[in-house]
N, C-alpha and C. Protein backbone atom coordinates (compact mmCIF):
# COMPACT_ATOMS: atom_id res chain seq x y z
N UNK A 1 109.80 125.85 22.74
CA UNK A 1 110.88 124.74 23.14
C UNK A 1 111.32 124.13 22.02
N UNK A 2 112.67 123.82 21.83
CA UNK A 2 113.09 123.15 20.76
C UNK A 2 113.49 121.56 21.09
N UNK A 3 113.10 120.89 19.94
CA UNK A 3 113.55 119.38 20.04
C UNK A 3 114.62 119.11 19.24
N UNK A 4 115.44 118.10 19.68
CA UNK A 4 116.81 118.05 19.28
C UNK A 4 116.92 116.11 18.92
N UNK A 5 117.23 115.82 17.64
CA UNK A 5 117.44 114.24 17.38
C UNK A 5 118.80 114.31 16.84
N UNK A 6 120.02 113.48 17.47
CA UNK A 6 120.84 113.17 16.90
C UNK A 6 121.22 111.96 16.22
N UNK A 7 121.95 112.00 15.12
CA UNK A 7 122.14 110.79 14.18
C UNK A 7 123.54 110.70 13.91
N UNK A 8 123.88 109.59 13.07
CA UNK A 8 125.23 109.51 12.56
C UNK A 8 126.30 108.76 13.39
N UNK A 9 125.96 108.39 14.51
CA UNK A 9 126.83 107.57 15.33
C UNK A 9 127.10 106.23 14.81
N UNK A 10 128.11 105.46 15.23
CA UNK A 10 128.25 104.07 14.84
C UNK A 10 129.65 103.52 15.30
N UNK A 11 130.03 102.48 14.75
CA UNK A 11 131.40 101.87 14.79
C UNK A 11 132.30 102.15 13.89
N UNK A 12 133.40 102.71 14.44
CA UNK A 12 134.54 103.18 13.44
C UNK A 12 135.87 102.60 13.90
N UNK A 13 136.87 102.52 13.06
CA UNK A 13 138.20 102.03 13.42
C UNK A 13 138.89 103.09 13.96
N UNK A 14 139.92 103.06 14.87
CA UNK A 14 140.97 104.00 15.11
C UNK A 14 141.60 104.68 13.85
N UNK A 15 141.77 105.91 13.96
CA UNK A 15 142.27 106.77 12.96
C UNK A 15 141.09 107.15 11.96
N UNK A 16 139.79 106.73 11.90
CA UNK A 16 138.79 106.74 11.12
C UNK A 16 137.95 108.16 11.55
N UNK A 17 136.87 108.30 10.62
CA UNK A 17 135.92 109.70 10.87
C UNK A 17 134.53 109.31 10.76
N UNK A 18 133.88 110.27 11.41
CA UNK A 18 132.48 110.10 11.44
C UNK A 18 131.95 111.64 11.59
N UNK A 19 130.70 111.69 10.86
CA UNK A 19 129.91 113.07 10.93
C UNK A 19 128.64 112.90 11.56
N UNK A 20 128.41 113.55 12.82
CA UNK A 20 127.21 113.44 13.63
C UNK A 20 126.50 114.70 13.06
N UNK A 21 125.20 114.52 13.34
CA UNK A 21 124.28 115.59 12.89
C UNK A 21 122.96 115.55 14.15
N UNK A 22 122.62 116.83 14.01
CA UNK A 22 121.71 117.10 15.22
C UNK A 22 120.22 117.89 14.56
N UNK A 23 119.27 117.34 14.24
CA UNK A 23 118.21 117.95 13.63
C UNK A 23 117.41 118.73 14.78
N UNK A 24 117.05 120.01 14.46
CA UNK A 24 116.37 120.75 15.51
C UNK A 24 114.92 121.07 14.88
N UNK A 25 114.00 121.08 15.82
CA UNK A 25 112.38 121.28 15.40
C UNK A 25 111.99 122.10 16.53
N UNK A 26 111.11 123.07 16.24
CA UNK A 26 110.29 123.75 17.22
C UNK A 26 110.67 125.33 16.85
N UNK A 27 111.30 126.13 17.90
CA UNK A 27 111.38 127.54 17.89
C UNK A 27 112.40 127.79 16.83
N UNK A 28 112.89 129.23 16.63
CA UNK A 28 113.62 129.55 15.52
C UNK A 28 115.07 129.13 15.99
N UNK A 29 115.58 128.08 15.12
CA UNK A 29 116.75 127.16 15.33
C UNK A 29 117.99 128.54 15.22
N UNK A 30 118.12 129.57 14.41
CA UNK A 30 119.26 130.39 14.52
C UNK A 30 119.36 131.17 15.74
N UNK A 31 118.56 131.25 16.40
CA UNK A 31 118.62 132.06 17.77
C UNK A 31 119.48 131.39 18.87
N UNK A 32 119.58 129.94 18.54
CA UNK A 32 120.17 129.10 19.57
C UNK A 32 121.67 129.05 19.48
N UNK A 33 122.33 129.12 20.55
CA UNK A 33 123.76 128.45 20.61
C UNK A 33 123.73 127.13 20.68
N UNK A 34 124.49 126.44 19.95
CA UNK A 34 124.52 124.90 19.83
C UNK A 34 125.90 124.31 20.52
N UNK A 35 125.90 123.22 21.29
CA UNK A 35 127.19 122.56 21.65
C UNK A 35 126.71 121.04 21.36
N UNK A 36 128.14 120.36 21.33
CA UNK A 36 128.17 118.95 21.37
C UNK A 36 128.94 118.62 22.87
N UNK A 37 128.28 117.49 23.41
CA UNK A 37 129.02 116.94 24.69
C UNK A 37 128.90 115.52 24.44
N UNK A 38 129.64 114.82 25.22
CA UNK A 38 129.92 113.27 25.10
C UNK A 38 129.93 112.93 26.57
N UNK A 39 129.34 111.73 26.76
CA UNK A 39 129.42 110.97 27.92
C UNK A 39 130.09 109.59 27.84
N UNK A 40 131.15 109.38 28.24
CA UNK A 40 131.65 107.94 28.28
C UNK A 40 131.23 107.10 29.58
N UNK A 41 131.03 105.76 29.44
CA UNK A 41 130.76 105.04 30.64
C UNK A 41 131.58 105.36 31.93
N UNK A 42 130.83 105.64 32.92
CA UNK A 42 131.41 105.97 34.10
C UNK A 42 131.82 107.26 34.34
N UNK A 43 131.89 107.87 33.37
CA UNK A 43 132.48 109.45 33.40
C UNK A 43 131.44 110.47 33.28
N UNK A 44 131.68 111.79 33.75
CA UNK A 44 130.66 112.84 33.79
C UNK A 44 130.79 113.35 32.04
N UNK A 45 129.59 113.95 31.95
CA UNK A 45 129.32 114.47 30.51
C UNK A 45 130.42 115.72 30.33
N UNK A 46 130.99 115.67 29.16
CA UNK A 46 132.09 116.30 28.83
C UNK A 46 131.81 117.31 27.45
N UNK A 47 131.95 118.76 27.65
CA UNK A 47 131.72 119.57 26.74
C UNK A 47 132.65 119.44 25.70
N UNK A 48 132.39 119.50 24.21
CA UNK A 48 133.21 119.36 23.18
C UNK A 48 133.41 120.46 22.31
N UNK A 49 132.22 121.12 21.84
CA UNK A 49 132.17 122.27 20.94
C UNK A 49 131.03 123.03 21.16
N UNK A 50 131.36 124.34 20.81
CA UNK A 50 130.13 125.36 20.80
C UNK A 50 130.02 126.01 19.54
N UNK A 51 129.11 126.37 18.87
CA UNK A 51 128.89 127.18 17.69
C UNK A 51 127.88 128.33 18.18
N UNK A 52 128.18 129.47 18.04
CA UNK A 52 127.19 130.45 18.21
C UNK A 52 126.25 130.92 17.15
N UNK A 53 125.06 131.70 17.48
CA UNK A 53 124.07 131.83 16.31
C UNK A 53 124.80 132.45 15.23
N UNK A 54 125.87 133.31 15.44
CA UNK A 54 126.61 133.74 14.38
C UNK A 54 127.54 132.97 13.54
N UNK A 55 127.91 131.94 14.08
CA UNK A 55 128.98 130.87 13.69
C UNK A 55 130.33 130.87 14.28
N UNK A 56 130.42 131.72 15.26
CA UNK A 56 131.79 131.62 15.85
C UNK A 56 132.03 130.18 16.73
N UNK A 57 132.97 129.64 16.67
CA UNK A 57 133.15 128.35 17.24
C UNK A 57 134.39 128.26 18.53
N UNK A 58 134.00 127.24 19.28
CA UNK A 58 135.02 127.26 20.28
C UNK A 58 134.89 125.62 20.61
N UNK A 59 136.30 125.10 20.99
CA UNK A 59 136.55 123.75 21.15
C UNK A 59 137.33 123.25 22.42
N UNK A 60 136.97 122.42 22.89
CA UNK A 60 137.74 121.80 24.03
C UNK A 60 139.07 121.22 23.47
N UNK A 61 139.98 121.44 24.45
CA UNK A 61 141.39 120.99 24.05
C UNK A 61 141.49 119.74 23.35
N UNK A 62 140.76 118.87 24.02
CA UNK A 62 140.74 117.37 23.77
C UNK A 62 140.26 116.96 22.57
N UNK A 63 139.60 117.92 21.59
CA UNK A 63 139.36 117.48 20.46
C UNK A 63 139.46 118.70 19.45
N UNK A 64 140.22 119.64 19.86
CA UNK A 64 140.68 120.78 18.83
C UNK A 64 141.60 120.39 17.80
N UNK A 65 141.50 120.72 16.65
CA UNK A 65 142.22 120.12 15.43
C UNK A 65 141.51 118.87 14.94
N UNK A 66 140.92 118.21 15.70
CA UNK A 66 140.17 116.71 15.25
C UNK A 66 138.74 117.14 15.03
N UNK A 67 138.08 117.73 15.47
CA UNK A 67 136.50 117.91 15.38
C UNK A 67 136.25 119.09 14.89
N UNK A 68 135.24 119.56 14.24
CA UNK A 68 134.87 120.50 13.65
C UNK A 68 133.26 120.64 13.79
N UNK A 69 132.75 121.87 14.35
CA UNK A 69 131.34 121.95 14.57
C UNK A 69 130.93 122.93 13.61
N UNK A 70 129.70 122.69 12.90
CA UNK A 70 129.02 123.46 12.00
C UNK A 70 127.59 123.64 11.97
N UNK A 71 126.81 124.51 11.37
CA UNK A 71 125.64 124.56 11.31
C UNK A 71 125.08 125.10 10.19
N UNK A 72 123.71 124.66 10.06
CA UNK A 72 122.99 125.05 8.91
C UNK A 72 121.98 125.73 9.34
N UNK A 73 121.69 126.93 9.49
CA UNK A 73 120.35 127.68 10.21
C UNK A 73 118.99 127.27 9.02
N UNK A 74 119.55 127.35 7.73
CA UNK A 74 118.24 126.87 6.88
C UNK A 74 117.73 125.49 7.10
N UNK A 75 118.50 124.74 7.19
CA UNK A 75 118.08 123.37 7.80
C UNK A 75 117.95 122.99 9.09
N UNK A 76 118.12 123.87 9.83
CA UNK A 76 118.02 123.60 11.33
C UNK A 76 119.03 122.46 11.68
N UNK A 77 119.84 122.44 11.50
CA UNK A 77 120.92 121.27 11.67
C UNK A 77 122.22 121.93 12.29
N UNK A 78 122.74 121.01 12.86
CA UNK A 78 124.26 121.16 13.46
C UNK A 78 124.85 119.99 13.22
N UNK A 79 126.08 120.01 13.10
CA UNK A 79 127.06 118.89 12.55
C UNK A 79 128.18 118.79 13.54
N UNK A 80 129.00 117.56 13.63
CA UNK A 80 130.25 117.50 14.20
C UNK A 80 130.75 116.49 13.39
N UNK A 81 131.89 117.06 12.68
CA UNK A 81 132.60 116.28 11.95
C UNK A 81 133.93 115.94 13.05
N UNK A 82 134.22 114.51 13.03
CA UNK A 82 135.05 114.18 13.61
C UNK A 82 136.25 113.09 12.96
N UNK A 83 137.38 113.62 12.95
CA UNK A 83 138.48 113.03 12.18
C UNK A 83 139.64 112.36 13.20
N UNK A 84 140.32 111.61 12.78
CA UNK A 84 141.55 110.83 13.56
C UNK A 84 140.81 110.37 14.90
N UNK A 85 139.95 109.58 14.85
CA UNK A 85 139.16 109.25 16.22
C UNK A 85 139.93 108.20 16.69
N UNK A 86 140.00 108.27 18.20
CA UNK A 86 140.68 107.51 19.23
C UNK A 86 139.81 106.66 19.98
N UNK A 87 140.35 105.54 20.39
CA UNK A 87 139.21 104.73 21.19
C UNK A 87 138.92 105.55 22.53
N UNK A 88 139.51 106.37 22.97
CA UNK A 88 139.11 107.10 23.92
C UNK A 88 137.90 108.32 23.45
N UNK A 89 137.64 108.32 22.38
CA UNK A 89 136.27 109.28 21.85
C UNK A 89 135.18 108.37 22.03
N UNK A 90 135.25 107.29 22.26
CA UNK A 90 134.14 106.07 22.47
C UNK A 90 133.13 106.83 23.57
N UNK A 91 131.94 107.10 23.14
CA UNK A 91 131.04 107.65 24.12
C UNK A 91 129.35 107.79 23.60
N UNK A 92 128.79 108.29 24.08
CA UNK A 92 127.50 108.68 23.81
C UNK A 92 127.52 110.34 23.57
N UNK A 93 127.18 110.64 22.40
CA UNK A 93 127.50 111.94 22.14
C UNK A 93 126.15 112.73 21.87
N UNK A 94 125.99 114.04 22.60
CA UNK A 94 124.76 114.75 22.91
C UNK A 94 124.90 116.22 22.22
N UNK A 95 123.51 116.58 21.36
CA UNK A 95 123.80 117.84 21.27
C UNK A 95 122.72 118.71 21.98
N UNK A 96 123.34 120.01 22.30
CA UNK A 96 122.72 120.85 23.26
C UNK A 96 122.08 122.20 22.56
N UNK A 97 120.89 122.60 23.11
CA UNK A 97 120.58 124.12 22.38
C UNK A 97 120.34 125.08 23.46
N UNK A 98 120.74 126.11 23.59
CA UNK A 98 120.76 127.26 24.71
C UNK A 98 120.03 128.52 24.23
N UNK A 99 119.09 128.93 24.71
CA UNK A 99 118.78 130.50 24.53
C UNK A 99 118.32 130.79 25.71
N UNK A 100 118.92 131.72 26.36
CA UNK A 100 118.51 132.27 27.47
C UNK A 100 118.39 131.29 28.63
N UNK A 101 117.30 130.89 29.18
CA UNK A 101 117.19 129.88 30.22
C UNK A 101 116.84 128.75 29.51
N UNK A 102 116.52 128.66 28.31
CA UNK A 102 116.23 127.29 27.73
C UNK A 102 117.43 126.54 27.53
N UNK A 103 117.29 125.30 27.92
CA UNK A 103 118.53 124.31 27.53
C UNK A 103 117.80 122.88 26.96
N UNK A 104 118.22 122.43 25.88
CA UNK A 104 117.37 121.45 25.56
C UNK A 104 118.40 120.25 25.07
N UNK A 105 118.08 119.14 25.12
CA UNK A 105 119.12 118.03 24.75
C UNK A 105 118.49 116.87 23.91
N UNK A 106 119.31 116.52 23.04
CA UNK A 106 118.76 115.26 22.25
C UNK A 106 119.23 114.15 23.21
N UNK A 107 118.55 112.98 22.58
CA UNK A 107 118.68 111.80 23.16
C UNK A 107 120.18 110.95 23.36
N UNK A 108 120.80 111.39 22.25
CA UNK A 108 122.21 111.05 22.13
C UNK A 108 122.46 109.89 21.12
N UNK A 109 123.65 109.75 20.63
CA UNK A 109 124.03 108.96 19.42
C UNK A 109 125.20 108.14 20.07
N UNK A 110 125.17 107.07 19.92
CA UNK A 110 126.55 106.21 20.35
C UNK A 110 127.75 106.18 19.24
N UNK A 111 129.00 106.36 19.75
CA UNK A 111 130.21 106.45 18.96
C UNK A 111 130.95 105.65 19.52
N UNK A 112 131.54 104.38 18.82
CA UNK A 112 132.35 103.39 19.32
C UNK A 112 133.48 103.30 18.36
N UNK A 113 134.64 103.59 18.93
CA UNK A 113 135.89 103.62 18.09
C UNK A 113 136.81 102.48 18.66
N UNK A 114 136.77 101.20 17.94
CA UNK A 114 137.53 100.07 18.17
C UNK A 114 137.94 99.30 16.76
N UNK A 115 138.89 98.59 17.03
CA UNK A 115 139.67 97.77 15.86
C UNK A 115 138.89 96.45 15.86
């Protein structure tokens, strides 16, 4: 099993940037598909971005062009660079690891976009 810990959240003004990180421990990180999700108060968890074990990426339309997912297999980390943040990006952000039937989640990190 893999364990995930997110970091990097905080308070940022509209138009600002943040970089979230997710550190993985346990099984071979490079075998996992990694995803970022978020959940705003009163809303369902929303998929944002995926990066495959080979580095291919895919984004939800709501973040395409503003967010960038990347991974460092040597450091067992996945990151989410977020630019041009909007108030509606306020949410708890989660990383997710998938390999076959294994799904693992981190505890989440809060991102608040406010002036």
